[in-house]
């Protein structure tokens, strides 16, 4: 899936659920069948399938059926697009915080009337 077609709103909405985040984390390690993915969850197989459908609809997971076994795998391009967006946000915030730190380090000393025990009152 090309990066410009990734709907990050749907990706992050899908990842808002802990079960789906866990499924994605497990699929990053290796592809797995639906039955293997369902094993650790105390839910019905149709409920697991609904979670997987959400992951497939946003493009994070792709599945294929061979015989009676449906195997799911992660879609790295979509996961990478989300990671790149998060990295850009982090870089922007770090830049702002670095500028604030520099400003605070180089600004003049705090005026005496703000540091005395009078809590800003002039005597």
PDB file of N, CA and C in Angstrom:
ATOM      1  N   UNK A   1       0.850  -1.184   0.000  1.00  0.00           N
ATOM      2  CA  UNK A   1       0.000   0.000   0.000  1.00  0.00           C
ATOM      3  C   UNK A   1       0.890   1.239   0.000  1.00  0.00           C
ATOM      4  N   UNK A   2       0.772   2.093  -0.995  1.00  0.00           N
ATOM      5  CA  UNK A   2       1.600   3.299  -1.045  1.00  0.00           C
ATOM      6  C   UNK A   2       1.326   4.210   0.140  1.00  0.00           C
ATOM      7  N   UNK A   3       2.395   4.899   0.579  1.00  0.00           N
ATOM      8  CA  UNK A   3       2.308   5.720   1.775  1.00  0.00           C
ATOM      9  C   UNK A   3       1.204   6.768   1.695  1.00  0.00           C
ATOM     10  N   UNK A   4       1.017   7.412   0.526  1.00  0.00           N
ATOM     11  CA  UNK A   4       0.029   8.471   0.420  1.00  0.00           C
ATOM     12  C   UNK A   4      -1.392   7.934   0.574  1.00  0.00           C
ATOM     13  N   UNK A   5      -1.612   6.631   0.454  1.00  0.00           N
ATOM     14  CA  UNK A   5      -2.943   6.050   0.591  1.00  0.00           C
ATOM     15  C   UNK A   5      -3.218   5.547   2.002  1.00  0.00           C
ATOM     16  N   UNK A   6      -2.244   5.629   2.895  1.00  0.00           N
ATOM     17  CA  UNK A   6      -2.433   5.155   4.263  1.00  0.00           C
ATOM     18  C   UNK A   6      -3.315   6.147   5.006  1.00  0.00           C
ATOM     19  N   UNK A   7      -4.402   5.648   5.588  1.00  0.00           N
ATOM     20  CA  UNK A   7      -5.310   6.466   6.378  1.00  0.00           C
ATOM     21  C   UNK A   7      -4.894   6.337   7.834  1.00  0.00           C
ATOM     22  N   UNK A   8      -4.056   7.270   8.288  1.00  0.00           N
ATOM     23  CA  UNK A   8      -3.520   7.185   9.646  1.00  0.00           C
ATOM     24  C   UNK A   8      -4.612   7.271  10.705  1.00  0.00           C
ATOM     25  N   UNK A   9      -5.700   7.975  10.426  1.00  0.00           N
ATOM     26  CA  UNK A   9      -6.801   8.028  11.393  1.00  0.00           C
ATOM     27  C   UNK A   9      -7.321   6.623  11.678  1.00  0.00           C
ATOM     28  N   UNK A  10      -7.525   5.848  10.619  1.00  0.00           N
ATOM     29  CA  UNK A  10      -8.027   4.476  10.791  1.00  0.00           C
ATOM     30  C   UNK A  10      -6.984   3.572  11.435  1.00  0.00           C
ATOM     31  N   UNK A  11      -5.720   3.787  11.103  1.00  0.00           N
ATOM     32  CA  UNK A  11      -4.651   2.983  11.697  1.00  0.00           C
ATOM     33  C   UNK A  11      -4.593   3.213  13.206  1.00  0.00           C
ATOM     34  N   UNK A  12      -4.578   4.493  13.616  1.00  0.00           N
ATOM     35  CA  UNK A  12      -4.499   4.785  15.047  1.00  0.00           C
ATOM     36  C   UNK A  12      -5.780   4.393  15.776  1.00  0.00           C
ATOM     37  N   UNK A  13      -6.912   4.489  15.097  1.00  0.00           N
ATOM     38  CA  UNK A  13      -8.164   4.037  15.706  1.00  0.00           C
ATOM     39  C   UNK A  13      -8.106   2.517  15.941  1.00  0.00           C
ATOM     40  N   UNK A  14      -7.571   1.788  14.983  1.00  0.00           N
ATOM     41  CA  UNK A  14      -7.432   0.341  15.142  1.00  0.00           C
ATOM     42  C   UNK A  14      -6.477   0.006  16.285  1.00  0.00           C
ATOM     43  N   UNK A  15      -5.405   0.775  16.397  1.00  0.00           N
ATOM     44  CA  UNK A  15      -4.408   0.518  17.441  1.00  0.00           C
ATOM     45  C   UNK A  15      -4.840   1.018  18.819  1.00  0.00           C
ATOM     46  N   UNK A  16      -5.972   1.694  18.904  1.00  0.00           N
ATOM     47  CA  UNK A  16      -6.466   2.190  20.191  1.00  0.00           C
ATOM     48  C   UNK A  16      -6.941   1.046  21.088  1.00  0.00           C
ATOM     49  N   UNK A  17      -7.159  -0.106  20.521  1.00  0.00           N
ATOM     50  CA  UNK A  17      -7.634  -1.255  21.286  1.00  0.00           C
ATOM     51  C   UNK A  17      -6.456  -2.147  21.684  1.00  0.00           C
ATOM     52  N   UNK A  18      -6.387  -2.511  22.959  1.00  0.00           N
ATOM     53  CA  UNK A  18      -5.261  -3.302  23.485  1.00  0.00           C
ATOM     54  C   UNK A  18      -5.153  -4.677  22.821  1.00  0.00           C
ATOM     55  N   UNK A  19      -6.275  -5.311  22.542  1.00  0.00           N
ATOM     56  CA  UNK A  19      -6.237  -6.633  21.902  1.00  0.00           C
ATOM     57  C   UNK A  19      -5.636  -6.524  20.507  1.00  0.00           C
ATOM     58  N   UNK A  20      -6.054  -5.510  19.764  1.00  0.00           N
ATOM     59  CA  UNK A  20      -5.508  -5.349  18.410  1.00  0.00           C
ATOM     60  C   UNK A  20      -4.037  -4.978  18.450  1.00  0.00           C
ATOM     61  N   UNK A  21      -3.623  -4.135  19.421  1.00  0.00           N
ATOM     62  CA  UNK A  21      -2.187  -3.825  19.538  1.00  0.00           C
ATOM     63  C   UNK A  21      -1.398  -5.097  19.827  1.00  0.00           C
ATOM     64  N   UNK A  22      -1.940  -5.951  20.675  1.00  0.00           N
ATOM     65  CA  UNK A  22      -1.262  -7.211  20.992  1.00  0.00           C
ATOM     66  C   UNK A  22      -1.173  -8.098  19.753  1.00  0.00           C
ATOM     67  N   UNK A  23      -2.240  -8.157  18.973  1.00  0.00           N
ATOM     68  CA  UNK A  23      -2.215  -8.957  17.740  1.00  0.00           C
ATOM     69  C   UNK A  23      -1.150  -8.439  16.783  1.00  0.00           C
ATOM     70  N   UNK A  24      -1.093  -7.118  16.626  1.00  0.00           N
ATOM     71  CA  UNK A  24      -0.083  -6.530  15.738  1.00  0.00           C
ATOM     72  C   UNK A  24       1.309  -6.871  16.243  1.00  0.00           C
ATOM     73  N   UNK A  25       1.522  -6.740  17.538  1.00  0.00           N
ATOM     74  CA  UNK A  25       2.839  -7.043  18.115  1.00  0.00           C
ATOM     75  C   UNK A  25       3.219  -8.494  17.857  1.00  0.00           C
ATOM     76  N   UNK A  26       2.276  -9.399  17.994  1.00  0.00           N
ATOM     77  CA  UNK A  26       2.565 -10.810  17.742  1.00  0.00           C
ATOM     78  C   UNK A  26       2.833 -11.066  16.260  1.00  0.00           C
ATOM     79  N   UNK A  27       2.099 -10.369  15.387  1.00  0.00           N
ATOM     80  CA  UNK A  27       2.294 -10.571  13.949  1.00  0.00           C
ATOM     81  C   UNK A  27       3.583  -9.940  13.441  1.00  0.00           C
ATOM     82  N   UNK A  28       4.111  -8.957  14.144  1.00  0.00           N
ATOM     83  CA  UNK A  28       5.404  -8.384  13.754  1.00  0.00           C
ATOM     84  C   UNK A  28       6.476  -9.471  13.846  1.00  0.00           C
ATOM     85  N   UNK A  29       6.343 -10.346  14.826  1.00  0.00           N
ATOM     86  CA  UNK A  29       7.305 -11.436  14.996  1.00  0.00           C
ATOM     87  C   UNK A  29       7.240 -12.465  13.882  1.00  0.00           C
ATOM     88  N   UNK A  30       6.021 -12.831  13.479  1.00  0.00           N
ATOM     89  CA  UNK A  30       5.848 -13.847  12.435  1.00  0.00           C
ATOM     90  C   UNK A  30       4.380 -13.934  12.057  1.00  0.00           C
ATOM     91  N   UNK A  31       4.092 -14.335  10.819  1.00  0.00           N
ATOM     92  CA  UNK A  31       2.693 -14.569  10.433  1.00  0.00           C
ATOM     93  C   UNK A  31       2.091 -15.659  11.318  1.00  0.00           C
ATOM     94  N   UNK A  32       0.774 -15.621  11.479  1.00  0.00           N
ATOM     95  CA  UNK A  32       0.108 -16.619  12.327  1.00  0.00           C
ATOM     96  C   UNK A  32      -1.287 -16.889  11.795  1.00  0.00           C
ATOM     97  N   UNK A  33      -1.762 -18.089  12.072  1.00  0.00           N
ATOM     98  CA  UNK A  33      -3.132 -18.429  11.696  1.00  0.00           C
ATOM     99  C   UNK A  33      -4.087 -17.763  12.674  1.00  0.00           C
ATOM    100  N   UNK A  34      -5.326 -17.630  12.256  1.00  0.00           N
ATOM    101  CA  UNK A  34      -6.340 -17.013  13.117  1.00  0.00           C
ATOM    102  C   UNK A  34      -6.488 -17.812  14.402  1.00  0.00           C
ATOM    103  N   UNK A  35      -6.462 -19.123  14.310  1.00  0.00           N
ATOM    104  CA  UNK A  35      -6.619 -19.947  15.523  1.00  0.00           C
ATOM    105  C   UNK A  35      -5.453 -19.745  16.488  1.00  0.00           C
ATOM    106  N   UNK A  36      -4.245 -19.589  15.977  1.00  0.00           N
ATOM    107  CA  UNK A  36      -3.093 -19.317  16.844  1.00  0.00           C
ATOM    108  C   UNK A  36      -3.222 -17.932  17.467  1.00  0.00           C
ATOM    109  N   UNK A  37      -3.654 -16.953  16.681  1.00  0.00           N
ATOM    110  CA  UNK A  37      -3.847 -15.604  17.220  1.00  0.00           C
ATOM    111  C   UNK A  37      -4.924 -15.589  18.295  1.00  0.00           C
ATOM    112  N   UNK A  38      -5.947 -16.422  18.150  1.00  0.00           N
ATOM    113  CA  UNK A  38      -7.078 -16.425  19.083  1.00  0.00           C
ATOM    114  C   UNK A  38      -6.760 -17.094  20.417  1.00  0.00           C
ATOM    115  N   UNK A  39      -5.745 -17.950  20.464  1.00  0.00           N
ATOM    116  CA  UNK A  39      -5.488 -18.768  21.654  1.00  0.00           C
ATOM    117  C   UNK A  39      -5.400 -17.996  22.972  1.00  0.00           C
ATOM    118  N   UNK A  40      -4.668 -16.889  23.075  1.00  0.00           N
ATOM    119  CA  UNK A  40      -4.519 -16.276  24.398  1.00  0.00           C
ATOM    120  C   UNK A  40      -5.713 -15.433  24.860  1.00  0.00           C
ATOM    121  N   UNK A  41      -6.731 -15.276  24.038  1.00  0.00           N
ATOM    122  CA  UNK A  41      -7.824 -14.375  24.378  1.00  0.00           C
ATOM    123  C   UNK A  41      -9.052 -15.146  24.865  1.00  0.00           C
ATOM    124  N   UNK A  42      -9.679 -14.618  25.880  1.00  0.00           N
ATOM    125  CA  UNK A  42     -10.910 -15.213  26.410  1.00  0.00           C
ATOM    126  C   UNK A  42     -12.096 -14.623  25.660  1.00  0.00           C
ATOM    127  N   UNK A  43     -12.143 -14.909  24.368  1.00  0.00           N
ATOM    128  CA  UNK A  43     -13.248 -14.422  23.534  1.00  0.00           C
ATOM    129  C   UNK A  43     -13.521 -15.440  22.447  1.00  0.00           C
ATOM    130  N   UNK A  44     -14.690 -15.313  21.846  1.00  0.00           N
ATOM    131  CA  UNK A  44     -15.079 -16.247  20.789  1.00  0.00           C
ATOM    132  C   UNK A  44     -14.252 -16.003  19.525  1.00  0.00           C
ATOM    133  N   UNK A  45     -14.214 -16.998  18.681  1.00  0.00           N
ATOM    134  CA  UNK A  45     -13.513 -16.867  17.412  1.00  0.00           C
ATOM    135  C   UNK A  45     -14.128 -15.756  16.541  1.00  0.00           C
ATOM    136  N   UNK A  46     -15.463 -15.614  16.512  1.00  0.00           N
ATOM    137  CA  UNK A  46     -16.020 -14.479  15.756  1.00  0.00           C
ATOM    138  C   UNK A  46     -15.558 -13.117  16.293  1.00  0.00           C
ATOM    139  N   UNK A  47     -15.372 -12.988  17.601  1.00  0.00           N
ATOM    140  CA  UNK A  47     -14.883 -11.727  18.168  1.00  0.00           C
ATOM    141  C   UNK A  47     -13.442 -11.472  17.719  1.00  0.00           C
ATOM    142  N   UNK A  48     -12.632 -12.516  17.697  1.00  0.00           N
ATOM    143  CA  UNK A  48     -11.251 -12.386  17.214  1.00  0.00           C
ATOM    144  C   UNK A  48     -11.264 -11.973  15.745  1.00  0.00           C
ATOM    145  N   UNK A  49     -12.158 -12.568  14.975  1.00  0.00           N
ATOM    146  CA  UNK A  49     -12.265 -12.234  13.550  1.00  0.00           C
ATOM    147  C   UNK A  49     -12.669 -10.769  13.360  1.00  0.00           C
ATOM    148  N   UNK A  50     -13.507 -10.251  14.238  1.00  0.00           N
ATOM    149  CA  UNK A  50     -13.891  -8.841  14.138  1.00  0.00           C
ATOM    150  C   UNK A  50     -12.684  -7.932  14.374  1.00  0.00           C
ATOM    151  N   UNK A  51     -11.857  -8.284  15.367  1.00  0.00           N
ATOM    152  CA  UNK A  51     -10.631  -7.512  15.602  1.00  0.00           C
ATOM    153  C   UNK A  51      -9.730  -7.555  14.374  1.00  0.00           C
ATOM    154  N   UNK A  52      -9.571  -8.732  13.809  1.00  0.00           N
ATOM    155  CA  UNK A  52      -8.725  -8.868  12.622  1.00  0.00           C
ATOM    156  C   UNK A  52      -9.309  -8.114  11.430  1.00  0.00           C
ATOM    157  N   UNK A  53     -10.614  -8.068  11.324  1.00  0.00           N
ATOM    158  CA  UNK A  53     -11.248  -7.326  10.234  1.00  0.00           C
ATOM    159  C   UNK A  53     -10.922  -5.832  10.340  1.00  0.00           C
ATOM    160  N   UNK A  54     -10.942  -5.290  11.561  1.00  0.00           N
ATOM    161  CA  UNK A  54     -10.586  -3.878  11.759  1.00  0.00           C
ATOM    162  C   UNK A  54      -9.138  -3.641  11.327  1.00  0.00           C
ATOM    163  N   UNK A  55      -8.248  -4.560  11.707  1.00  0.00           N
ATOM    164  CA  UNK A  55      -6.836  -4.430  11.333  1.00  0.00           C
ATOM    165  C   UNK A  55      -6.644  -4.550   9.824  1.00  0.00           C
ATOM    166  N   UNK A  56      -7.424  -5.406   9.193  1.00  0.00           N
ATOM    167  CA  UNK A  56      -7.331  -5.551   7.730  1.00  0.00           C
ATOM    168  C   UNK A  56      -7.902  -4.335   7.011  1.00  0.00           C
ATOM    169  N   UNK A  57      -9.007  -3.799   7.509  1.00  0.00           N
ATOM    170  CA  UNK A  57      -9.644  -2.659   6.847  1.00  0.00           C
ATOM    171  C   UNK A  57      -8.758  -1.417   6.846  1.00  0.00           C
ATOM    172  N   UNK A  58      -7.941  -1.243   7.886  1.00  0.00           N
ATOM    173  CA  UNK A  58      -7.050  -0.079   7.902  1.00  0.00           C
ATOM    174  C   UNK A  58      -5.732  -0.383   7.199  1.00  0.00           C
ATOM    175  N   UNK A  59      -5.508  -1.638   6.836  1.00  0.00           N
ATOM    176  CA  UNK A  59      -4.323  -1.998   6.076  1.00  0.00           C
ATOM    177  C   UNK A  59      -3.150  -2.506   6.892  1.00  0.00           C
ATOM    178  N   UNK A  60      -3.288  -2.579   8.201  1.00  0.00           N
ATOM    179  CA  UNK A  60      -2.174  -3.051   9.030  1.00  0.00           C
ATOM    180  C   UNK A  60      -1.902  -4.543   8.878  1.00  0.00           C
ATOM    181  N   UNK A  61      -2.945  -5.311   8.596  1.00  0.00           N
ATOM    182  CA  UNK A  61      -2.826  -6.762   8.503  1.00  0.00           C
ATOM    183  C   UNK A  61      -3.425  -7.212   7.178  1.00  0.00           C
ATOM    184  N   UNK A  62      -2.794  -8.224   6.624  1.00  0.00           N
ATOM    185  CA  UNK A  62      -3.300  -8.856   5.410  1.00  0.00           C
ATOM    186  C   UNK A  62      -3.459 -10.338   5.717  1.00  0.00           C
ATOM    187  N   UNK A  63      -4.495 -10.952   5.197  1.00  0.00           N
ATOM    188  CA  UNK A  63      -4.675 -12.386   5.440  1.00  0.00           C
ATOM    189  C   UNK A  63      -4.947 -13.104   4.124  1.00  0.00           C
ATOM    190  N   UNK A  64      -4.643 -14.382   4.144  1.00  0.00           N
ATOM    191  CA  UNK A  64      -4.948 -15.224   2.986  1.00  0.00           C
ATOM    192  C   UNK A  64      -5.386 -16.582   3.500  1.00  0.00           C
ATOM    193  N   UNK A  65      -6.300 -17.175   2.762  1.00  0.00           N
ATOM    194  CA  UNK A  65      -6.834 -18.470   3.153  1.00  0.00           C
ATOM    195  C   UNK A  65      -6.302 -19.531   2.215  1.00  0.00           C
ATOM    196  N   UNK A  66      -5.683 -20.545   2.799  1.00  0.00           N
ATOM    197  CA  UNK A  66      -5.201 -21.696   2.044  1.00  0.00           C
ATOM    198  C   UNK A  66      -5.867 -22.917   2.653  1.00  0.00           C
ATOM    199  N   UNK A  67      -6.751 -23.527   1.897  1.00  0.00           N
ATOM    200  CA  UNK A  67      -7.529 -24.644   2.439  1.00  0.00           C
ATOM    201  C   UNK A  67      -8.467 -24.125   3.512  1.00  0.00           C
ATOM    202  N   UNK A  68      -8.335 -24.667   4.723  1.00  0.00           N
ATOM    203  CA  UNK A  68      -9.198 -24.247   5.823  1.00  0.00           C
ATOM    204  C   UNK A  68      -8.489 -23.295   6.778  1.00  0.00           C
ATOM    205  N   UNK A  69      -7.257 -22.940   6.455  1.00  0.00           N
ATOM    206  CA  UNK A  69      -6.448 -22.113   7.369  1.00  0.00           C
ATOM    207  C   UNK A  69      -6.303 -20.696   6.809  1.00  0.00           C
ATOM    208  N   UNK A  70      -6.695 -19.719   7.617  1.00  0.00           N
ATOM    209  CA  UNK A  70      -6.494 -18.305   7.272  1.00  0.00           C
ATOM    210  C   UNK A  70      -5.272 -17.830   8.039  1.00  0.00           C
ATOM    211  N   UNK A  71      -4.260 -17.361   7.286  1.00  0.00           N
ATOM    212  CA  UNK A  71      -3.015 -16.882   7.878  1.00  0.00           C
ATOM    213  C   UNK A  71      -2.947 -15.370   7.747  1.00  0.00           C
ATOM    214  N   UNK A  72      -2.577 -14.727   8.855  1.00  0.00           N
ATOM    215  CA  UNK A  72      -2.483 -13.267   8.887  1.00  0.00           C
ATOM    216  C   UNK A  72      -1.019 -12.855   8.954  1.00  0.00           C
ATOM    217  N   UNK A  73      -0.728 -11.737   8.326  1.00  0.00           N
ATOM    218  CA  UNK A  73       0.625 -11.181   8.378  1.00  0.00           C
ATOM    219  C   UNK A  73       0.530  -9.673   8.441  1.00  0.00           C
ATOM    220  N   UNK A  74       1.555  -9.080   8.998  1.00  0.00           N
ATOM    221  CA  UNK A  74       1.600  -7.626   9.141  1.00  0.00           C
ATOM    222  C   UNK A  74       1.880  -6.991   7.782  1.00  0.00           C
ATOM    223  N   UNK A  75       1.364  -5.797   7.568  1.00  0.00           N
ATOM    224  CA  UNK A  75       1.654  -5.031   6.353  1.00  0.00           C
ATOM    225  C   UNK A  75       2.668  -3.954   6.756  1.00  0.00           C
ATOM    226  N   UNK A  76       3.963  -4.192   6.519  1.00  0.00           N
ATOM    227  CA  UNK A  76       5.003  -3.300   7.039  1.00  0.00           C
ATOM    228  C   UNK A  76       4.932  -1.865   6.519  1.00  0.00           C
ATOM    229  N   UNK A  77       4.438  -1.675   5.314  1.00  0.00           N
ATOM    230  CA  UNK A  77       4.370  -0.316   4.759  1.00  0.00           C
ATOM    231  C   UNK A  77       3.439   0.565   5.588  1.00  0.00           C
ATOM    232  N   UNK A  78       2.310   0.023   5.986  1.00  0.00           N
ATOM    233  CA  UNK A  78       1.340   0.789   6.774  1.00  0.00           C
ATOM    234  C   UNK A  78       1.892   1.050   8.171  1.00  0.00           C
ATOM    235  N   UNK A  79       2.489   0.039   8.766  1.00  0.00           N
ATOM    236  CA  UNK A  79       3.085   0.205  10.090  1.00  0.00           C
ATOM    237  C   UNK A  79       4.206   1.238  10.039  1.00  0.00           C
ATOM    238  N   UNK A  80       4.993   1.224   8.974  1.00  0.00           N
ATOM    239  CA  UNK A  80       6.087   2.183   8.808  1.00  0.00           C
ATOM    240  C   UNK A  80       5.560   3.613   8.662  1.00  0.00           C
ATOM    241  N   UNK A  81       4.444   3.786   7.950  1.00  0.00           N
ATOM    242  CA  UNK A  81       3.860   5.120   7.787  1.00  0.00           C
ATOM    243  C   UNK A  81       3.427   5.689   9.134  1.00  0.00           C
ATOM    244  N   UNK A  82       2.824   4.861   9.976  1.00  0.00           N
ATOM    245  CA  UNK A  82       2.427   5.306  11.318  1.00  0.00           C
ATOM    246  C   UNK A  82       3.664   5.643  12.146  1.00  0.00           C
ATOM    247  N   UNK A  83       4.687   4.813  12.042  1.00  0.00           N
ATOM    248  CA  UNK A  83       5.933   5.047  12.783  1.00  0.00           C
ATOM    249  C   UNK A  83       6.596   6.354  12.330  1.00  0.00           C
ATOM    250  N   UNK A  84       6.585   6.623  11.041  1.00  0.00           N
ATOM    251  CA  UNK A  84       7.184   7.856  10.525  1.00  0.00           C
ATOM    252  C   UNK A  84       6.426   9.087  11.020  1.00  0.00           C
ATOM    253  N   UNK A  85       5.104   8.999  11.082  1.00  0.00           N
ATOM    254  CA  UNK A  85       4.311  10.123  11.588  1.00  0.00           C
ATOM    255  C   UNK A  85       4.641  10.379  13.056  1.00  0.00           C
ATOM    256  N   UNK A  86       4.695   9.304  13.836  1.00  0.00           N
ATOM    257  CA  UNK A  86       5.031   9.449  15.260  1.00  0.00           C
ATOM    258  C   UNK A  86       6.439  10.013  15.441  1.00  0.00           C
ATOM    259  N   UNK A  87       7.387   9.562  14.637  1.00  0.00           N
ATOM    260  CA  UNK A  87       8.760  10.059  14.734  1.00  0.00           C
ATOM    261  C   UNK A  87       8.822  11.552  14.402  1.00  0.00           C
ATOM    262  N   UNK A  88       8.046  11.983  13.415  1.00  0.00           N
ATOM    263  CA  UNK A  88       8.022  13.406  13.061  1.00  0.00           C
ATOM    264  C   UNK A  88       7.436  14.237  14.195  1.00  0.00           C
ATOM    265  N   UNK A  89       6.391  13.723  14.838  1.00  0.00           N
ATOM    266  CA  UNK A  89       5.797  14.442  15.975  1.00  0.00           C
ATOM    267  C   UNK A  89       6.778  14.524  17.133  1.00  0.00           C
ATOM    268  N   UNK A  90       7.458  13.441  17.390  1.00  0.00           N
ATOM    269  CA  UNK A  90       8.444  13.428  18.473  1.00  0.00           C
ATOM    270  C   UNK A  90       9.570  14.423  18.194  1.00  0.00           C
ATOM    271  N   UNK A  91      10.049  14.442  16.961  1.00  0.00           N
ATOM    272  CA  UNK A  91      11.130  15.362  16.598  1.00  0.00           C
ATOM    273  C   UNK A  91      10.686  16.812  16.761  1.00  0.00           C
ATOM    274  N   UNK A  92       9.460  17.114  16.367  1.00  0.00           N
ATOM    275  CA  UNK A  92       8.958  18.480  16.503  1.00  0.00           C
ATOM    276  C   UNK A  92       8.876  18.884  17.975  1.00  0.00           C
ATOM    277  N   UNK A  93       8.374  17.999  18.821  1.00  0.00           N
ATOM    278  CA  UNK A  93       8.275  18.311  20.254  1.00  0.00           C
ATOM    279  C   UNK A  93       9.656  18.428  20.889  1.00  0.00           C
ATOM    280  N   UNK A  94      10.583  17.556  20.501  1.00  0.00           N
ATOM    281  CA  UNK A  94      11.936  17.639  21.056  1.00  0.00           C
ATOM    282  C   UNK A  94      12.599  18.951  20.665  1.00  0.00           C
ATOM    283  N   UNK A  95      12.357  19.405  19.435  1.00  0.00           N
ATOM    284  CA  UNK A  95      12.916  20.679  18.987  1.00  0.00           C
ATOM    285  C   UNK A  95      12.355  21.823  19.827  1.00  0.00           C
ATOM    286  N   UNK A  96      11.040  21.810  20.043  1.00  0.00           N
ATOM    287  CA  UNK A  96      10.420  22.856  20.875  1.00  0.00           C
ATOM    288  C   UNK A  96      10.970  22.833  22.297  1.00  0.00           C
ATOM    289  N   UNK A  97      11.103  21.665  22.862  1.00  0.00           N
ATOM    290  CA  UNK A  97      11.611  21.552  24.231  1.00  0.00           C
ATOM    291  C   UNK A  97      13.083  21.956  24.316  1.00  0.00           C
ATOM    292  N   UNK A  98      13.852  21.636  23.285  1.00  0.00           N
ATOM    293  CA  UNK A  98      15.253  22.069  23.251  1.00  0.00           C
ATOM    294  C   UNK A  98      15.346  23.585  23.203  1.00  0.00           C
ATOM    295  N   UNK A  99      14.486  24.210  22.380  1.00  0.00           N
ATOM    296  CA  UNK A  99      14.472  25.676  22.319  1.00  0.00           C
ATOM    297  C   UNK A  99      14.071  26.283  23.657  1.00  0.00           C
ATOM    298  N   UNK A 100      13.089  25.692  24.312  1.00  0.00           N
ATOM    299  CA  UNK A 100      12.667  26.176  25.628  1.00  0.00           C
ATOM    300  C   UNK A 100      13.801  26.021  26.636  1.00  0.00           C
ATOM    301  N   UNK A 101      14.467  24.890  26.631  1.00  0.00           N
ATOM    302  CA  UNK A 101      15.596  24.672  27.535  1.00  0.00           C
ATOM    303  C   UNK A 101      16.706  25.668  27.294  1.00  0.00           C
ATOM    304  N   UNK A 102      16.999  25.926  26.042  1.00  0.00           N
ATOM    305  CA  UNK A 102      18.036  26.911  25.711  1.00  0.00           C
ATOM    306  C   UNK A 102      17.615  28.301  26.184  1.00  0.00           C
ATOM    307  N   UNK A 103      16.366  28.654  25.956  1.00  0.00           N
ATOM    308  CA  UNK A 103      15.864  29.962  26.381  1.00  0.00           C
ATOM    309  C   UNK A 103      15.960  30.106  27.900  1.00  0.00           C
ATOM    310  N   UNK A 104      15.565  29.070  28.619  1.00  0.00           N
ATOM    311  CA  UNK A 104      15.612  29.138  30.079  1.00  0.00           C
ATOM    312  C   UNK A 104      17.051  29.196  30.587  1.00  0.00           C
ATOM    313  N   UNK A 105      17.943  28.517  29.922  1.00  0.00           N
ATOM    314  CA  UNK A 105      19.341  28.495  30.346  1.00  0.00           C
ATOM    315  C   UNK A 105      20.042  29.819  30.072  1.00  0.00           C
ATOM    316  N   UNK A 106      19.606  30.523  29.044  1.00  0.00           N
ATOM    317  CA  UNK A 106      20.294  31.756  28.670  1.00  0.00           C
ATOM    318  C   UNK A 106      19.547  33.014  29.101  1.00  0.00           C
ATOM    319  N   UNK A 107      18.355  32.856  29.647  1.00  0.00           N
ATOM    320  CA  UNK A 107      17.593  34.047  30.061  1.00  0.00           C
ATOM    321  C   UNK A 107      18.201  34.636  31.327  1.00  0.00           C
ATOM    322  N   UNK A 108      17.861  35.894  31.593  1.00  0.00           N
ATOM    323  CA  UNK A 108      18.402  36.573  32.773  1.00  0.00           C
ATOM    324  C   UNK A 108      17.886  35.908  34.039  1.00  0.00           C
ATOM    325  N   UNK A 109      18.534  36.214  35.142  1.00  0.00           N
ATOM    326  CA  UNK A 109      18.164  35.631  36.425  1.00  0.00           C
ATOM    327  C   UNK A 109      16.739  36.023  36.797  1.00  0.00           C
ATOM    328  N   UNK A 110      16.105  35.212  37.609  1.00  0.00           N
ATOM    329  CA  UNK A 110      14.754  35.497  38.073  1.00  0.00           C
ATOM    330  C   UNK A 110      14.795  36.716  38.977  1.00  0.00           C
ATOM    331  N   UNK A 111      13.923  37.696  38.774  1.00  0.00           N
ATOM    332  CA  UNK A 111      13.922  38.893  39.616  1.00  0.00           C
ATOM    333  C   UNK A 111      13.730  38.550  41.083  1.00  0.00           C
ATOM    334  N   UNK A 112      14.375  39.331  41.957  1.00  0.00           N
ATOM    335  CA  UNK A 112      14.323  39.084  43.402  1.00  0.00           C
ATOM    336  C   UNK A 112      12.899  39.074  43.933  1.00  0.00           C
ATOM    337  N   UNK A 113      12.038  39.914  43.397  1.00  0.00           N
ATOM    338  CA  UNK A 113      10.683  39.990  43.939  1.00  0.00           C
ATOM    339  C   UNK A 113       9.875  38.717  43.670  1.00  0.00           C
ATOM    340  N   UNK A 114      10.348  37.854  42.774  1.00  0.00           N
ATOM    341  CA  UNK A 114       9.662  36.590  42.537  1.00  0.00           C
ATOM    342  C   UNK A 114      10.260  35.454  43.347  1.00  0.00           C
ATOM    343  N   UNK A 115      11.432  35.657  43.917  1.00  0.00           N
ATOM    344  CA  UNK A 115      12.086  34.571  44.646  1.00  0.00           C
ATOM    345  C   UNK A 115      12.068  34.782  46.148  1.00  0.00           C
ATOM    346  N   UNK A 116      11.669  35.957  46.642  1.00  0.00           N
ATOM    347  CA  UNK A 116      11.676  36.179  48.093  1.00  0.00           C
ATOM    348  C   UNK A 116      10.510  35.455  48.744  1.00  0.00           C
ATOM    349  N   UNK A 117      10.494  35.462  50.046  1.00  0.00           N
ATOM    350  CA  UNK A 117       9.470  34.741  50.787  1.00  0.00           C
ATOM    351  C   UNK A 117       8.126  35.445  50.729  1.00  0.00           C
ATOM    352  N   UNK A 118       8.074  36.632  50.163  1.00  0.00           N
ATOM    353  CA  UNK A 118       6.833  37.372  50.064  1.00  0.00           C
ATOM    354  C   UNK A 118       5.984  36.933  48.882  1.00  0.00           C
ATOM    355  N   UNK A 119       6.407  35.928  48.161  1.00  0.00           N
ATOM    356  CA  UNK A 119       5.671  35.380  47.018  1.00  0.00           C
ATOM    357  C   UNK A 119       5.283  36.450  46.014  1.00  0.00           C
ATOM    358  N   UNK A 120       6.258  37.285  45.664  1.00  0.00           N
ATOM    359  CA  UNK A 120       6.036  38.267  44.628  1.00  0.00           C
ATOM    360  C   UNK A 120       5.642  39.636  45.146  1.00  0.00           C
ATOM    361  N   UNK A 121       5.448  39.766  46.444  1.00  0.00           N
ATOM    362  CA  UNK A 121       5.071  41.077  46.999  1.00  0.00           C
ATOM    363  C   UNK A 121       6.319  41.912  47.197  1.00  0.00           C
ATOM    364  N   UNK A 122       6.237  43.143  46.856  1.00  0.00           N
ATOM    365  CA  UNK A 122       7.349  44.070  47.094  1.00  0.00           C
ATOM    366  C   UNK A 122       7.158  44.716  48.457  1.00  0.00           C
ATOM    367  N   UNK A 123       8.240  44.820  49.209  1.00  0.00           N
ATOM    368  CA  UNK A 123       8.147  45.431  50.522  1.00  0.00           C
ATOM    369  C   UNK A 123       8.917  46.723  50.592  1.00  0.00           C
TER     370      UNK A 123
END
